[in-house]
Amino acid sequence: MASHRKSRTPGTRVAGIRTPALATAALTSVALLSQTATAAPSDDGKPSLEEVEKKVGDLYRQAESATEKYNAAKEKTAKQRKQVDTLLDDVAERTQKLNEARAELGSFAAAQYRTGAGVPDTATFLLADTPQDIFDQRQVMDRMTGRQKEAVDDYVTQQSETMKKRQEATESLETLTETQGDLKTAKATVQKKLADARELMSKLTAEEKARLAAIERKKQEEAARKAAELAEQQKARQEAQQEAAAAQQDSGTSGSTSGSSGSATTPSTSTDSSYATKAEKALAFARAQIGKPYVWGATGPGSYDCSGLTQAAWKAAGVTVPRTTYDQVNAGTTVPVSQARPGDLVFFYDDVTHVGIYIGNGMMIHAPKPGTYVREESIYYDGESSIHSVVRPA
């Protein structure tokens, strides 16, 4: 997705508040393991702790990527099913009109039969397979009245349009079937990656799990330090902006001799206030979801995946954002991490497969991964290089 990627701003992650025993205590800790652990490959062929760490990390990342593909396929399936239903309804309506036109032509044939004129030609017309067969029989057209010709034209038009719509419906059904296949494939991929990760983790010894937990604590401390550092930078920036605004207002007031006092609200201030109001609603919703489980493909209300949570949060504020991280990253204005404001969306990794909603002071609310719960966490929870971009959606 190079077309939308911006230059990264450093970032790292703080461990969450609530985590299930095995899934988070061990799994989220593995990111720094390769830098701190010193285990060597075992002689019995068993993977080293570093190898397990890397493999588990890769599996969870791959599962997250497959989850977003599943979300995209699911959304596409729903749209295509609606389109197919519309086309089938249209075909049914056109078929009815075609039958009515056929009935009218039948009445002409019956009339000709009663008068004893033109029966063979009319019958041939009604039994023709295609409109071309009809027009090849010039003698039939020559014997028909103007009203009969109008009926023929209507029949031919209805037949042509009905055939066209039936073809469109057939093609849409084929596309829908392909998308449903993609949906099943993505689902199977997610399930396989998660099962492999759980199997690897189940084979760790108590001593290895303890080492992972120690690494996790160090990782939390580093992420907390980075979040506090960002909070200080943002505070200093805000104070500087306030001082500059106050100085500008004082200058405008002292230079005014009559009329306005120079304190009118600027369009920028109005826009900022509007965004802040919406962001407060989005964050209030996100906070109310803390403690609910991560479930891949879920959009609430009992569980969420990462993009399902951010979509639902902004929906609560009256703002529509797309379903997947791939689309959400393009649904707003990209800003530097140093200028992130509460409500902004923070995206992670080169393939943009994770997202959280910024709450200020270097922290966010997100649904991390399978086996964890919605929680507050540092935006630096997985290292500075993991942050892809920050987007302001409204």
Protein backbone atom coordinates (compact mmCIF):
# COMPACT_ATOMS: atom_id res chain seq x y z
CA MET A 1 0.00 0.00 0.00
CA ALA A 2 2.89 2.28 -0.82
CA SER A 3 0.66 4.87 -2.43
CA HIS A 4 -0.68 6.06 0.91
CA ARG A 5 2.19 5.48 3.23
CA LYS A 6 3.81 8.41 4.93
CA SER A 7 7.24 8.64 6.47
CA ARG A 8 7.10 7.04 9.87
CA THR A 9 7.44 8.80 13.16
CA PRO A 10 9.12 6.82 15.92
CA GLY A 11 6.88 4.86 18.26
CA THR A 12 6.82 1.78 20.69
CA ARG A 13 4.14 -0.22 22.66
CA VAL A 14 3.13 -0.45 26.35
CA ALA A 15 1.62 -3.69 27.53
CA GLY A 16 -2.07 -3.76 28.27
CA ILE A 17 -4.02 -3.54 31.48
CA ARG A 18 -5.96 -6.75 31.06
CA THR A 19 -4.65 -9.85 29.37
CA PRO A 20 -5.48 -13.51 29.50
CA ALA A 21 -2.89 -15.64 31.18
CA LEU A 22 -1.05 -17.38 28.36
CA ALA A 23 -1.97 -15.37 25.30
CA THR A 24 -0.69 -12.00 26.42
CA ALA A 25 1.80 -12.65 29.21
CA ALA A 26 3.84 -14.72 26.83
CA LEU A 27 2.82 -13.70 23.34
CA THR A 28 3.05 -9.94 23.46
CA SER A 29 6.42 -10.20 25.13
CA VAL A 30 8.13 -11.92 22.29
CA ALA A 31 8.89 -8.82 20.24
CA LEU A 32 12.05 -7.94 22.19
CA LEU A 33 13.11 -11.51 22.79
CA SER A 34 15.53 -11.68 19.90
CA GLN A 35 17.39 -8.70 21.37
CA THR A 36 17.57 -9.94 24.95
CA ALA A 37 17.43 -13.72 25.05
CA THR A 38 20.56 -15.78 24.58
CA ALA A 39 19.20 -19.28 24.25
CA ALA A 40 21.06 -21.42 21.74
CA PRO A 41 19.52 -24.07 19.51
CA SER A 42 18.99 -27.28 21.46
CA ASP A 43 20.81 -30.47 20.58
CA ASP A 44 17.60 -32.48 20.47
CA GLY A 45 16.28 -30.56 17.45
CA LYS A 46 13.76 -28.60 19.47
CA PRO A 47 13.41 -24.96 18.30
CA SER A 48 15.21 -22.40 20.43
CA LEU A 49 13.23 -19.83 22.39
CA GLU A 50 14.26 -17.19 19.85
CA GLU A 51 12.95 -19.33 17.01
CA VAL A 52 9.67 -19.92 18.81
CA GLU A 53 9.37 -16.19 19.52
CA LYS A 54 9.90 -15.27 15.89
CA LYS A 55 7.56 -17.93 14.60
CA VAL A 56 4.76 -17.00 17.02
CA GLY A 57 5.15 -13.31 16.21
CA ASP A 58 4.99 -14.06 12.49
CA LEU A 59 1.92 -16.25 12.92
CA TYR A 60 0.01 -13.61 14.84
CA ARG A 61 0.92 -10.94 12.31
CA GLN A 62 -0.17 -13.23 9.48
CA ALA A 63 -3.41 -14.00 11.29
CA GLU A 64 -4.07 -10.27 11.70
CA SER A 65 -3.42 -9.70 8.01
CA ALA A 66 -5.74 -12.57 7.10
CA THR A 67 -8.37 -11.11 9.41
CA GLU A 68 -8.40 -7.82 7.49
CA LYS A 69 -8.66 -9.75 4.22
CA TYR A 70 -11.56 -11.67 5.73
CA ASN A 71 -13.22 -8.39 6.73
CA ALA A 72 -12.80 -7.01 3.21
CA ALA A 73 -14.18 -10.18 1.60
CA LYS A 74 -17.12 -10.23 3.99
CA GLU A 75 -17.99 -6.62 3.21
CA LYS A 76 -17.66 -7.27 -0.53
CA THR A 77 -19.84 -10.36 -0.26
CA ALA A 78 -22.62 -8.40 1.42
CA LYS A 79 -22.55 -5.73 -1.31
CA GLN A 80 -22.52 -8.30 -4.11
CA ARG A 81 -25.38 -10.26 -2.55
CA LYS A 82 -27.45 -7.08 -2.45
CA GLN A 83 -26.59 -6.37 -6.09
CA VAL A 84 -27.57 -9.90 -7.12
CA ASP A 85 -30.88 -9.64 -5.28
CA THR A 86 -31.62 -6.36 -7.07
CA LEU A 87 -30.78 -7.88 -10.45
CA LEU A 88 -32.94 -10.93 -9.81
CA ASP A 89 -35.86 -8.70 -8.85
CA ASP A 90 -35.33 -6.73 -12.06
CA VAL A 91 -35.26 -9.94 -14.12
CA ALA A 92 -38.51 -11.09 -12.53
CA GLU A 93 -40.16 -7.77 -13.35
CA ARG A 94 -38.91 -7.81 -16.93
CA THR A 95 -40.01 -11.42 -17.35
CA GLN A 96 -43.50 -10.38 -16.33
CA LYS A 97 -43.48 -7.61 -18.94
CA LEU A 98 -42.19 -10.10 -21.51
CA ASN A 99 -45.05 -12.47 -20.72
CA GLU A 100 -47.53 -9.62 -21.10
CA ALA A 101 -46.08 -8.73 -24.51
CA ARG A 102 -46.22 -12.39 -25.51
CA ALA A 103 -49.86 -12.57 -24.44
CA GLU A 104 -50.71 -9.55 -26.56
CA LEU A 105 -49.11 -11.15 -29.59
CA GLY A 106 -51.04 -14.31 -28.82
CA SER A 107 -54.29 -12.33 -28.98
CA PHE A 108 -53.35 -11.18 -32.49
CA ALA A 109 -52.67 -14.77 -33.52
CA ALA A 110 -56.05 -15.85 -32.17
CA ALA A 111 -57.77 -13.05 -34.08
CA GLN A 112 -56.05 -14.07 -37.30
CA TYR A 113 -57.04 -17.65 -36.70
CA ARG A 114 -60.68 -16.70 -36.30
CA THR A 115 -60.62 -14.74 -39.58
CA GLY A 116 -58.66 -17.47 -41.31
CA ALA A 117 -55.84 -15.12 -42.30
CA GLY A 118 -52.15 -15.39 -41.69
CA VAL A 119 -52.25 -18.26 -39.24
CA PRO A 120 -49.10 -20.03 -40.36
CA ASP A 121 -47.01 -16.83 -40.38
CA THR A 122 -48.18 -15.68 -36.93
CA ALA A 123 -47.67 -19.12 -35.47
CA THR A 124 -44.19 -19.19 -36.94
CA PHE A 125 -43.53 -15.80 -35.36
CA LEU A 126 -44.62 -16.99 -31.91
CA LEU A 127 -42.50 -20.12 -32.16
CA ALA A 128 -39.37 -18.31 -33.35
CA ASP A 129 -36.31 -18.76 -31.12
CA THR A 130 -34.74 -15.35 -31.63
CA PRO A 131 -35.79 -11.90 -32.81
CA GLN A 132 -33.53 -12.35 -35.87
CA ASP A 133 -35.60 -15.31 -37.02
CA ILE A 134 -38.66 -13.06 -36.93
CA PHE A 135 -37.19 -10.30 -39.02
CA ASP A 136 -35.94 -12.77 -41.60
CA GLN A 137 -39.55 -13.49 -42.40
CA ARG A 138 -40.47 -10.28 -44.20
CA GLN A 139 -43.83 -11.55 -45.34
CA VAL A 140 -45.06 -11.69 -41.74
CA MET A 141 -44.24 -8.05 -41.14
CA ASP A 142 -45.87 -7.05 -44.42
CA ARG A 143 -49.20 -8.52 -43.32
CA MET A 144 -49.28 -6.99 -39.86
CA THR A 145 -51.09 -3.80 -38.98
CA GLY A 146 -49.39 -0.86 -37.29
CA ARG A 147 -50.70 -1.94 -33.88
CA GLN A 148 -49.35 -5.43 -34.40
CA LYS A 149 -45.95 -4.05 -35.34
CA GLU A 150 -45.89 -2.02 -32.13
CA ALA A 151 -46.62 -5.20 -30.20
CA VAL A 152 -43.77 -6.96 -31.98
CA ASP A 153 -41.38 -4.12 -31.23
CA ASP A 154 -42.37 -4.17 -27.56
CA TYR A 155 -41.92 -7.93 -27.40
CA VAL A 156 -38.49 -7.79 -29.02
CA THR A 157 -37.36 -4.98 -26.68
CA GLN A 158 -38.59 -6.79 -23.58
CA GLN A 159 -36.95 -10.03 -24.70
CA SER A 160 -33.61 -8.32 -25.37
CA GLU A 161 -33.56 -6.43 -22.06
CA THR A 162 -34.60 -9.50 -20.11
CA MET A 163 -31.83 -11.59 -21.66
CA LYS A 164 -29.32 -8.83 -20.86
CA LYS A 165 -30.38 -8.62 -17.22
CA ARG A 166 -30.31 -12.40 -16.87
CA GLN A 167 -26.73 -12.39 -18.15
CA GLU A 168 -25.78 -9.66 -15.65
CA ALA A 169 -27.38 -11.65 -12.84
CA THR A 170 -25.51 -14.78 -13.90
CA GLU A 171 -22.18 -12.95 -13.94
CA SER A 172 -22.88 -11.33 -10.56
CA LEU A 173 -23.70 -14.72 -9.08
CA GLU A 174 -20.40 -16.09 -10.38
CA THR A 175 -18.52 -13.14 -8.84
CA LEU A 176 -20.37 -13.63 -5.58
CA THR A 177 -19.36 -17.29 -5.55
CA GLU A 178 -15.71 -16.33 -6.07
CA THR A 179 -15.85 -13.78 -3.24
CA GLN A 180 -17.45 -16.33 -0.94
CA GLY A 181 -14.54 -18.61 -1.78
CA ASP A 182 -12.09 -15.85 -0.80
CA LEU A 183 -14.02 -15.42 2.43
CA LYS A 184 -13.69 -19.10 3.29
CA THR A 185 -10.00 -19.09 2.41
CA ALA A 186 -9.28 -16.09 4.62
CA LYS A 187 -11.22 -17.64 7.48
CA ALA A 188 -9.33 -20.91 7.17
CA THR A 189 -6.03 -19.02 7.08
CA VAL A 190 -6.81 -17.14 10.28
CA GLN A 191 -7.82 -20.31 12.08
CA LYS A 192 -4.71 -22.17 10.93
CA LYS A 193 -2.29 -19.41 11.97
CA LEU A 194 -3.87 -19.10 15.41
CA ALA A 195 -3.84 -22.85 15.94
CA ASP A 196 -0.16 -23.04 14.99
CA ALA A 197 0.68 -20.19 17.38
CA ARG A 198 -1.19 -21.84 20.25
CA GLU A 199 0.58 -25.12 19.60
CA LEU A 200 4.00 -23.49 19.70
CA MET A 201 3.21 -21.67 22.94
CA SER A 202 1.88 -24.82 24.57
CA LYS A 203 5.28 -26.44 24.17
CA LEU A 204 7.17 -23.81 26.19
CA THR A 205 8.45 -24.85 29.58
CA ALA A 206 7.67 -22.95 32.78
CA GLU A 207 11.20 -21.55 32.77
CA GLU A 208 10.83 -20.30 29.21
CA LYS A 209 7.50 -18.67 30.01
CA ALA A 210 9.10 -16.95 33.00
CA ARG A 211 11.84 -15.55 30.78
CA LEU A 212 9.24 -14.27 28.34
CA ALA A 213 7.35 -12.62 31.19
CA ALA A 214 10.53 -10.85 32.33
CA ILE A 215 11.11 -9.55 28.83
CA GLU A 216 7.51 -8.35 28.75
CA ARG A 217 8.01 -6.30 31.89
CA LYS A 218 11.05 -4.59 30.35
CA LYS A 219 9.07 -3.95 27.22
CA GLN A 220 6.26 -2.35 29.22
CA GLU A 221 8.71 -0.07 30.97
CA GLU A 222 10.25 1.08 27.70
CA ALA A 223 6.86 1.65 26.10
CA ALA A 224 5.70 3.65 29.13
CA ARG A 225 8.85 5.77 28.95
CA LYS A 226 8.27 6.54 25.27
CA ALA A 227 4.60 7.39 25.89
CA ALA A 228 5.57 9.78 28.70
CA GLU A 229 8.18 11.36 26.45
CA LEU A 230 5.60 11.96 23.71
CA ALA A 231 3.17 13.36 26.28
CA GLU A 232 5.77 15.93 27.40
CA GLN A 233 6.48 16.93 23.81
CA GLN A 234 2.80 17.41 23.06
CA LYS A 235 2.28 19.37 26.27
CA ALA A 236 5.14 21.72 25.41
CA ARG A 237 3.79 22.15 21.90
CA GLN A 238 0.31 22.97 23.20
CA GLU A 239 1.64 25.51 25.70
CA ALA A 240 3.67 27.21 22.99
CA GLN A 241 0.61 27.43 20.75
CA GLN A 242 -1.47 28.89 23.58
CA GLU A 243 1.18 31.51 24.35
CA ALA A 244 1.40 32.46 20.68
CA ALA A 245 -2.37 32.75 20.43
CA ALA A 246 -2.53 34.87 23.59
CA ALA A 247 0.20 37.19 22.30
CA GLN A 248 -1.59 37.56 18.98
CA GLN A 249 -4.87 38.37 20.73
CA ASP A 250 -3.20 40.96 22.97
CA SER A 251 -1.60 42.57 19.95
CA GLY A 252 -4.93 42.71 18.13
CA THR A 253 -6.75 44.13 21.14
CA SER A 254 -4.20 46.88 21.83
CA GLY A 255 -4.23 47.93 18.19
CA SER A 256 -8.00 48.23 18.08
CA THR A 257 -9.56 51.62 18.83
CA SER A 258 -13.19 50.72 18.22
CA GLY A 259 -15.56 48.01 16.99
CA SER A 260 -14.46 44.38 17.44
CA SER A 261 -12.17 43.48 20.33
CA GLY A 262 -10.23 41.09 18.08
CA SER A 263 -11.43 37.93 19.87
CA ALA A 264 -13.65 36.56 17.14
CA THR A 265 -13.53 32.79 16.63
CA THR A 266 -11.46 31.83 13.60
CA PRO A 267 -12.51 29.06 11.16
CA SER A 268 -9.54 26.97 12.38
CA THR A 269 -10.64 27.25 16.00
CA SER A 270 -14.20 26.31 15.04
CA THR A 271 -12.97 23.25 13.12
CA ASP A 272 -10.77 22.14 16.02
CA SER A 273 -13.69 22.47 18.42
CA SER A 274 -15.96 20.43 16.15
CA TYR A 275 -13.40 17.64 15.85
CA ALA A 276 -12.78 17.62 19.61
CA THR A 277 -16.51 17.24 20.27
CA LYS A 278 -16.79 14.28 17.91
CA ALA A 279 -13.59 12.73 19.25
CA GLU A 280 -14.94 12.88 22.82
CA LYS A 281 -17.95 10.83 21.74
CA ALA A 282 -15.76 8.31 19.91
CA LEU A 283 -13.46 7.94 22.92
CA ALA A 284 -16.36 7.60 25.35
CA PHE A 285 -17.62 4.70 23.26
CA ALA A 286 -14.17 3.10 23.03
CA ARG A 287 -13.64 3.35 26.80
CA ALA A 288 -16.97 1.62 27.39
CA GLN A 289 -15.69 -1.37 25.40
CA ILE A 290 -12.58 -1.92 27.55
CA GLY A 291 -12.51 -5.48 28.83
CA LYS A 292 -14.45 -6.97 25.91
CA PRO A 293 -12.66 -9.78 24.06
CA TYR A 294 -10.86 -9.54 20.75
CA VAL A 295 -12.58 -11.77 18.19
CA TRP A 296 -11.35 -11.67 14.62
CA GLY A 297 -13.99 -10.37 12.22
CA ALA A 298 -16.14 -8.97 15.06
CA THR A 299 -17.74 -5.52 15.00
CA GLY A 300 -19.51 -5.55 18.38
CA PRO A 301 -21.31 -5.16 20.55
CA GLY A 302 -19.92 -8.05 22.61
CA SER A 303 -16.51 -8.34 20.95
CA TYR A 304 -14.31 -6.59 18.39
CA ASP A 305 -11.29 -6.88 16.18
CA CYS A 306 -9.03 -3.83 15.84
CA SER A 307 -10.72 -2.12 12.88
CA GLY A 308 -14.17 -3.16 14.05
CA LEU A 309 -13.57 -1.23 17.28
CA THR A 310 -12.35 1.96 15.62
CA GLN A 311 -15.19 1.88 13.10
CA ALA A 312 -17.78 1.44 15.86
CA ALA A 313 -16.22 4.18 17.99
CA TRP A 314 -16.39 6.80 15.27
CA LYS A 315 -19.84 5.63 14.22
CA ALA A 316 -20.98 6.48 17.77
CA ALA A 317 -19.74 10.02 17.05
CA GLY A 318 -21.77 10.20 13.84
CA VAL A 319 -18.78 9.67 11.53
CA THR A 320 -18.66 6.81 9.03
CA VAL A 321 -15.26 5.19 8.48
CA PRO A 322 -14.58 2.09 6.32
CA ARG A 323 -14.49 -1.43 7.72
CA THR A 324 -10.87 -2.47 7.14
CA THR A 325 -7.54 -0.99 8.15
CA TYR A 326 -6.59 -0.85 4.45
CA ASP A 327 -9.43 1.59 3.82
CA GLN A 328 -9.45 3.40 7.18
CA VAL A 329 -5.86 4.55 6.66
CA ASN A 330 -7.08 6.58 3.65
CA ALA A 331 -10.20 7.93 5.34
CA GLY A 332 -8.84 11.18 6.72
CA THR A 333 -5.86 13.50 7.01
CA THR A 334 -2.46 12.07 7.88
CA VAL A 335 -0.63 13.92 10.67
CA PRO A 336 2.74 13.41 12.39
CA VAL A 337 2.77 11.28 15.54
CA SER A 338 3.98 14.34 17.48
CA GLN A 339 0.75 16.13 16.51
CA ALA A 340 -1.62 13.24 17.27
CA ARG A 341 -4.82 14.34 19.03
CA PRO A 342 -7.41 12.33 20.97
CA GLY A 343 -9.63 10.53 18.49
CA ASP A 344 -6.97 10.10 15.80
CA LEU A 345 -6.40 6.61 14.41
CA VAL A 346 -2.93 5.10 14.82
CA PHE A 347 -1.95 2.47 12.25
CA PHE A 348 0.77 -0.14 12.56
CA TYR A 349 3.13 -2.19 10.38
CA ASP A 350 4.11 -1.89 6.74
CA ASP A 351 1.05 -3.82 5.60
CA VAL A 352 -1.28 -1.64 7.73
CA THR A 353 -2.88 -4.58 9.55
CA HIS A 354 -3.53 -3.02 12.96
CA VAL A 355 -5.16 0.15 14.29
CA GLY A 356 -6.00 1.82 17.59
CA ILE A 357 -7.70 5.08 18.62
CA TYR A 358 -5.46 7.68 20.28
CA ILE A 359 -6.54 8.99 23.71
CA GLY A 360 -3.64 11.35 24.43
CA ASN A 361 -0.36 11.19 26.38
CA GLY A 362 1.07 8.57 24.05
CA MET A 363 -1.73 6.12 24.81
CA MET A 364 -4.49 4.47 22.78
CA ILE A 365 -7.43 2.10 23.12
CA HIS A 366 -7.30 -0.93 20.85
CA ALA A 367 -8.26 -4.58 20.44
CA PRO A 368 -4.77 -6.14 20.27
CA LYS A 369 -5.05 -9.75 19.07
CA PRO A 370 -6.82 -13.08 19.65
CA GLY A 371 -6.73 -14.11 23.29
CA THR A 372 -6.66 -10.52 24.57
CA TYR A 373 -9.20 -7.86 25.52
CA VAL A 374 -9.88 -4.28 24.47
CA ARG A 375 -7.55 -2.14 26.58
CA GLU A 376 -5.54 1.04 26.98
CA GLU A 377 -1.96 0.72 25.85
CA SER A 378 0.98 2.80 24.72
CA ILE A 379 1.12 3.47 20.99
CA TYR A 380 4.72 2.26 21.31
CA TYR A 381 3.66 -1.19 22.46
CA ASP A 382 5.52 -2.94 19.64
CA GLY A 383 8.46 -0.63 19.09
CA GLU A 384 8.94 2.69 17.34
CA SER A 385 9.26 1.16 13.90
CA SER A 386 5.87 -0.53 14.16
CA ILE A 387 3.95 2.75 13.79
CA HIS A 388 2.87 3.26 10.20
CA SER A 389 0.92 6.51 10.35
CA VAL A 390 -1.62 8.62 12.25
CA VAL A 391 -4.88 9.64 10.53
CA ARG A 392 -7.49 12.20 11.63
CA PRO A 393 -10.80 10.76 10.34
CA ALA A 394 -13.14 13.72 10.81
